[in-house]
N, C-alpha and C. Protein backbone atom coordinates (compact mmCIF):
# COMPACT_ATOMS: atom_id res chain seq x y z
N MET A 1 0.92 -1.09 -0.18
CA MET A 1 -0.04 -0.08 0.13
C MET A 1 0.85 1.34 -0.14
N PHE A 2 1.76 1.25 1.04
CA PHE A 2 2.84 2.36 1.09
C PHE A 2 3.81 2.02 0.04
N GLU A 3 4.43 2.83 -0.30
CA GLU A 3 5.68 3.07 -0.76
C GLU A 3 6.28 3.68 -0.06
N ALA A 4 7.63 3.07 0.72
CA ALA A 4 8.46 3.66 1.86
C ALA A 4 9.62 4.85 1.11
N ALA A 5 9.97 4.53 0.13
CA ALA A 5 10.84 5.38 -0.44
C ALA A 5 10.02 6.46 -0.86
N ARG A 6 8.78 6.44 -1.43
CA ARG A 6 7.68 7.73 -2.29
C ARG A 6 7.48 8.32 -0.91
N ASP A 7 6.78 8.02 -0.02
CA ASP A 7 5.70 8.20 1.08
C ASP A 7 6.26 8.18 2.42
N LEU A 8 7.42 7.92 2.45
CA LEU A 8 7.68 8.24 4.02
C LEU A 8 7.88 9.93 4.42
N GLU A 9 8.25 10.85 3.47
CA GLU A 9 8.35 12.24 4.38
C GLU A 9 6.71 12.24 4.59
N GLN A 10 5.75 12.32 3.74
CA GLN A 10 4.30 12.81 3.75
C GLN A 10 3.84 11.80 4.73
N VAL A 11 3.89 10.98 5.14
CA VAL A 11 3.29 10.37 6.43
C VAL A 11 4.31 10.54 7.65
N ARG A 12 5.54 10.89 7.71
CA ARG A 12 6.03 11.33 9.08
C ARG A 12 5.55 12.75 9.30
N GLN A 13 5.23 13.72 8.27
CA GLN A 13 4.82 14.94 8.59
C GLN A 13 3.17 14.80 9.32
N ALA A 14 2.53 13.81 8.55
CA ALA A 14 0.88 14.01 8.75
C ALA A 14 0.98 13.68 10.21
N VAL A 15 1.93 12.32 10.71
CA VAL A 15 1.67 11.82 11.99
C VAL A 15 2.15 12.81 12.98
N VAL A 16 3.31 13.66 12.77
CA VAL A 16 3.79 14.70 13.67
C VAL A 16 2.89 15.65 14.01
N GLY A 17 2.10 16.14 12.94
CA GLY A 17 1.24 17.00 12.86
C GLY A 17 -0.16 16.60 13.70
N GLU A 18 -0.37 15.47 13.93
CA GLU A 18 -1.55 14.98 14.21
C GLU A 18 -1.25 13.97 15.35
N ARG A 19 -0.09 14.09 15.89
CA ARG A 19 0.24 12.77 17.05
C ARG A 19 -0.57 12.11 17.59
N GLN A 20 -1.89 12.88 18.46
CA GLN A 20 -2.59 12.28 19.09
C GLN A 20 -3.79 11.62 18.30
N ARG A 21 -4.01 12.13 17.22
CA ARG A 21 -5.20 11.63 16.46
C ARG A 21 -4.64 11.25 15.00
N LEU A 22 -4.35 9.91 15.27
CA LEU A 22 -3.89 8.73 14.07
C LEU A 22 -5.36 9.23 12.88
N GLY A 23 -6.36 8.83 13.09
CA GLY A 23 -7.42 9.17 12.26
C GLY A 23 -7.64 10.27 11.44
N GLN A 24 -7.06 11.52 11.96
CA GLN A 24 -6.89 12.48 11.37
C GLN A 24 -5.72 12.72 10.59
N ALA A 25 -4.78 11.98 10.96
CA ALA A 25 -3.26 11.85 10.11
C ALA A 25 -3.56 10.94 9.00
N LYS A 26 -4.84 10.07 9.35
CA LYS A 26 -4.77 8.82 7.75
C LYS A 26 -5.68 9.74 6.71
N LEU A 27 -6.79 10.47 7.41
CA LEU A 27 -7.85 11.13 6.51
C LEU A 27 -7.09 12.31 5.25
N LEU A 28 -5.93 12.75 6.11
CA LEU A 28 -5.00 13.59 5.51
C LEU A 28 -3.92 12.88 4.63
N LEU A 29 -3.75 11.85 4.91
CA LEU A 29 -2.65 10.79 4.16
C LEU A 29 -3.59 10.73 2.87
N GLU A 30 -4.51 10.24 3.31
CA GLU A 30 -5.78 9.63 1.83
C GLU A 30 -6.00 10.90 0.96
N GLN A 31 -5.96 11.84 1.60
CA GLN A 31 -6.22 12.95 0.32
C GLN A 31 -4.98 13.76 -0.10
N GLN A 32 -3.68 13.17 -0.02
CA GLN A 32 -2.64 13.70 -0.29
C GLN A 32 -2.05 12.76 -1.06
N LEU A 33 -2.02 11.45 -0.71
CA LEU A 33 -1.39 10.51 -1.64
C LEU A 33 -2.52 9.73 -2.47
N GLY A 34 -3.77 10.12 -2.73
CA GLY A 34 -4.94 9.55 -3.51
C GLY A 34 -4.94 8.37 -3.15
N LYS A 35 -4.80 7.69 -2.13
CA LYS A 35 -4.86 6.24 -1.79
C LYS A 35 -5.84 6.17 -0.59
N GLU A 36 -6.65 4.81 -0.64
CA GLU A 36 -7.21 4.72 0.65
C GLU A 36 -7.01 3.92 1.44
N PHE A 37 -6.96 3.79 2.79
CA PHE A 37 -6.11 2.42 3.53
C PHE A 37 -6.48 2.49 5.07
N SER A 38 -6.68 1.44 5.40
CA SER A 38 -7.19 1.40 6.59
C SER A 38 -6.04 2.23 7.87
N LEU A 39 -6.71 2.26 9.17
CA LEU A 39 -5.97 2.83 10.18
C LEU A 39 -5.20 1.93 10.35
N LYS A 40 -5.35 0.74 10.60
CA LYS A 40 -4.30 -0.62 10.98
C LYS A 40 -3.45 -0.50 9.87
N THR A 41 -3.74 -0.47 8.67
CA THR A 41 -2.54 0.00 7.39
C THR A 41 -1.41 0.50 8.07
N LEU A 42 -1.95 1.96 8.37
CA LEU A 42 -1.27 2.99 8.64
C LEU A 42 -0.29 2.76 10.06
N LYS A 43 -0.67 1.99 10.79
CA LYS A 43 -0.19 1.79 12.01
C LYS A 43 0.98 0.74 12.43
N ARG A 44 0.65 -0.50 10.93
CA ARG A 44 1.66 -1.10 10.61
C ARG A 44 2.79 -0.83 9.89
N PHE A 45 2.65 0.45 8.83
CA PHE A 45 3.42 0.82 8.32
C PHE A 45 4.50 1.71 9.30
N LEU A 46 3.61 2.58 10.10
CA LEU A 46 4.52 3.18 11.25
C LEU A 46 5.21 2.29 12.04
N LYS A 47 5.06 0.97 12.24
CA LYS A 47 5.47 -0.24 13.25
C LYS A 47 6.70 -0.49 12.13
N LYS A 48 6.50 -0.66 11.32
CA LYS A 48 7.83 -1.12 10.11
C LYS A 48 8.93 -0.08 10.06
N LEU A 49 8.41 1.41 10.19
CA LEU A 49 9.40 2.58 10.37
C LEU A 49 10.48 2.58 11.49
N SER A 50 9.36 2.36 12.42
CA SER A 50 9.85 2.40 13.87
C SER A 50 10.95 1.16 14.29
N ALA A 51 10.72 0.15 13.71
CA ALA A 51 11.62 -1.22 13.88
C ALA A 51 12.91 -0.80 13.10
N ALA A 52 12.66 -0.38 11.68
CA ALA A 52 13.87 -0.19 10.93
C ALA A 52 14.80 0.92 11.08
N THR A 53 14.24 1.99 11.96
CA THR A 53 15.16 3.26 12.31
C THR A 53 15.79 2.63 13.58
N ASN A 54 15.06 1.77 14.64
CA ASN A 54 15.47 1.63 15.72
C ASN A 54 16.78 0.46 15.74
N GLY A 55 16.61 -0.05 14.51
CA GLY A 55 18.00 -1.02 14.09
C GLY A 55 18.78 -0.14 13.77
N TYR A 56 18.98 0.80 13.27
CA TYR A 56 20.10 1.74 12.96
C TYR A 56 21.02 2.15 14.15
N GLU A 57 19.98 2.77 15.40
CA GLU A 57 20.32 3.44 16.16
C GLU A 57 20.95 2.47 17.20
N LYS A 58 21.22 1.12 17.17
CA LYS A 58 21.78 0.35 18.31
C LYS A 58 23.49 0.05 17.99
N GLU A 59 23.51 0.30 16.50
CA GLU A 59 24.76 0.16 15.66
C GLU A 59 25.85 1.14 15.81
């Protein structure tokens, strides 16, 4: 659904802007990206990004 290389910055900005309301971030991203997805998909993408960046911090 998301392409990390292309969508990463938009997802990051939306989540930072709506930290406490992922539902609002989801609606904003759907408009910006022109894609529909579930809140669960957004959470999985964020978890994947978090796991990837946490691995780099430990090195």
